[in-house]
Amino acid sequence: MDRKKLREIYEEQDGVGKELLLEKVAFCKFADQYDFENYFRIGELKDSELLCLASLLYHQECFLMLLDVMSRYKERFIFADTSILREFEPDDTLMERFSRIGILEGV
C-alpha cells in the first residue's frame, strides 16, 4: 500500500473512522513487534501484559483503540473491591441520593 491508497482509505471514512485509522497507523508505526503481536492475542495475555498493552495505547494516544480493548475485555480491567462496603453504614441522605441516581432500582 502506498500513501495515495492510504489517503483514499482515509478520505472514505467518517470522523470517528478517520481518527481510528490514524490511531492504527500510529500503532503500526511505533509499536514494537512484541506489542504489535500482543494486540492480536489479547484474550491469551497475562494481566501484566494486557496492562502494558493498554499503557502503550494510552501513551501513543490511541484512545479509540484503547476504548475498544477495554470495552471488549472489561472484566479483565475491573476488579470489585467489596471491602469498602464492610464498614458501610448508609444514612438518610445517602439513601435518598441512591434513589435519585437509580442505584437501588429493583432492589
Protein backbone atom coordinates (compact mmCIF):
# COMPACT_ATOMS: atom_id res chain seq x y z
CA MET A 1 0.00 0.00 0.00
CA ASP A 2 1.29 3.45 -0.85
CA ARG A 3 0.45 6.90 0.51
CA LYS A 4 -2.08 7.54 -2.23
CA LYS A 5 -4.08 4.41 -1.35
CA LEU A 6 -3.85 5.23 2.36
CA ARG A 7 -5.13 8.76 1.64
CA GLU A 8 -8.07 7.31 -0.35
CA ILE A 9 -8.98 4.99 2.51
CA TYR A 10 -8.71 7.90 4.94
CA GLU A 11 -10.99 10.14 2.86
CA GLU A 12 -13.66 7.41 2.68
CA GLN A 13 -14.00 7.33 6.48
CA ASP A 14 -16.36 9.34 8.69
CA GLY A 15 -14.97 11.43 11.57
CA VAL A 16 -14.53 8.56 14.03
CA GLY A 17 -13.26 6.28 11.27
CA LYS A 18 -10.59 8.81 10.35
CA GLU A 19 -9.44 9.07 13.96
CA LEU A 20 -9.37 5.30 14.35
CA LEU A 21 -7.40 4.90 11.14
CA LEU A 22 -4.84 7.47 12.33
CA GLU A 23 -4.52 5.62 15.63
CA LYS A 24 -3.97 2.32 13.85
CA VAL A 25 -1.33 3.91 11.60
CA ALA A 26 0.44 5.32 14.67
CA PHE A 27 0.24 1.95 16.42
CA CYS A 28 1.65 0.13 13.39
CA LYS A 29 4.45 2.69 13.12
CA PHE A 30 5.54 2.91 16.76
CA ALA A 31 4.67 -0.43 18.41
CA ASP A 32 7.48 -2.93 18.63
CA GLN A 33 6.90 -6.44 17.30
CA TYR A 34 6.05 -7.83 20.75
CA ASP A 35 3.32 -5.25 21.45
CA PHE A 36 2.02 -5.46 17.90
CA GLU A 37 1.58 -9.24 18.16
CA ASN A 38 0.01 -8.91 21.63
CA TYR A 39 -2.76 -6.76 20.15
CA PHE A 40 -3.95 -9.79 18.17
CA ARG A 41 -3.81 -12.20 21.08
CA ILE A 42 -5.34 -10.08 23.83
CA GLY A 43 -7.50 -12.94 25.08
CA GLU A 44 -4.38 -15.00 25.78
CA LEU A 45 -2.36 -12.29 27.57
CA LYS A 46 -1.47 -12.34 31.25
CA ASP A 47 -2.87 -9.38 33.19
CA SER A 48 0.54 -7.69 33.30
CA GLU A 49 0.93 -7.98 29.51
CA LEU A 50 -2.58 -6.64 28.96
CA LEU A 51 -1.87 -3.63 31.17
CA CYS A 52 1.38 -2.98 29.29
CA LEU A 53 -0.51 -3.02 26.00
CA ALA A 54 -3.15 -0.66 27.43
CA SER A 55 -0.37 1.63 28.65
CA LEU A 56 1.24 1.64 25.22
CA LEU A 57 -2.06 2.53 23.54
CA TYR A 58 -2.58 5.32 26.06
CA HIS A 59 0.90 6.78 25.65
CA GLN A 60 0.65 6.64 21.86
CA GLU A 61 -2.69 8.48 22.22
CA CYS A 62 -4.58 5.60 20.60
CA PHE A 63 -7.62 6.30 22.74
CA LEU A 64 -10.23 4.73 20.43
CA MET A 65 -8.20 1.53 20.18
CA LEU A 66 -7.80 1.58 23.97
CA LEU A 67 -11.53 2.13 24.43
CA ASP A 68 -12.25 -0.82 22.13
CA VAL A 69 -9.86 -3.10 24.03
CA MET A 70 -11.23 -2.01 27.41
CA SER A 71 -14.83 -2.46 26.24
CA ARG A 72 -14.27 -5.94 24.81
CA TYR A 73 -12.24 -7.13 27.80
CA LYS A 74 -13.76 -5.01 30.60
CA GLU A 75 -13.96 -7.95 33.00
CA ARG A 76 -10.15 -8.09 32.93
CA PHE A 77 -9.81 -4.41 33.86
CA ILE A 78 -12.42 -4.16 36.60
CA PHE A 79 -11.79 -5.65 39.99
CA ALA A 80 -14.61 -5.22 42.52
CA ASP A 81 -13.32 -4.20 45.94
CA THR A 82 -16.15 -5.07 48.31
CA SER A 83 -14.02 -4.45 51.40
CA ILE A 84 -15.20 -0.83 51.38
CA LEU A 85 -18.78 -1.99 51.90
CA ARG A 86 -17.97 -3.91 55.09
CA GLU A 87 -17.88 -0.72 57.16
CA PHE A 88 -20.63 0.94 55.15
CA GLU A 89 -23.42 2.49 57.21
CA PRO A 90 -25.98 4.24 54.97
CA ASP A 91 -27.80 7.32 56.27
CA ASP A 92 -30.98 9.01 55.00
CA THR A 93 -29.15 11.47 52.76
CA LEU A 94 -27.14 8.75 51.09
CA MET A 95 -30.19 6.55 50.55
CA GLU A 96 -32.09 9.48 49.01
CA ARG A 97 -29.19 10.15 46.65
CA PHE A 98 -29.05 6.48 45.71
CA SER A 99 -32.74 6.58 44.77
CA ARG A 100 -32.24 9.69 42.65
CA ILE A 101 -29.45 8.18 40.52
CA GLY A 102 -31.09 4.77 40.29
CA ILE A 103 -28.62 2.65 42.27
CA LEU A 104 -31.36 0.86 44.20
CA GLU A 105 -33.88 0.35 41.38
CA GLY A 106 -35.32 -3.13 41.52
CA VAL A 107 -33.76 -3.93 44.90
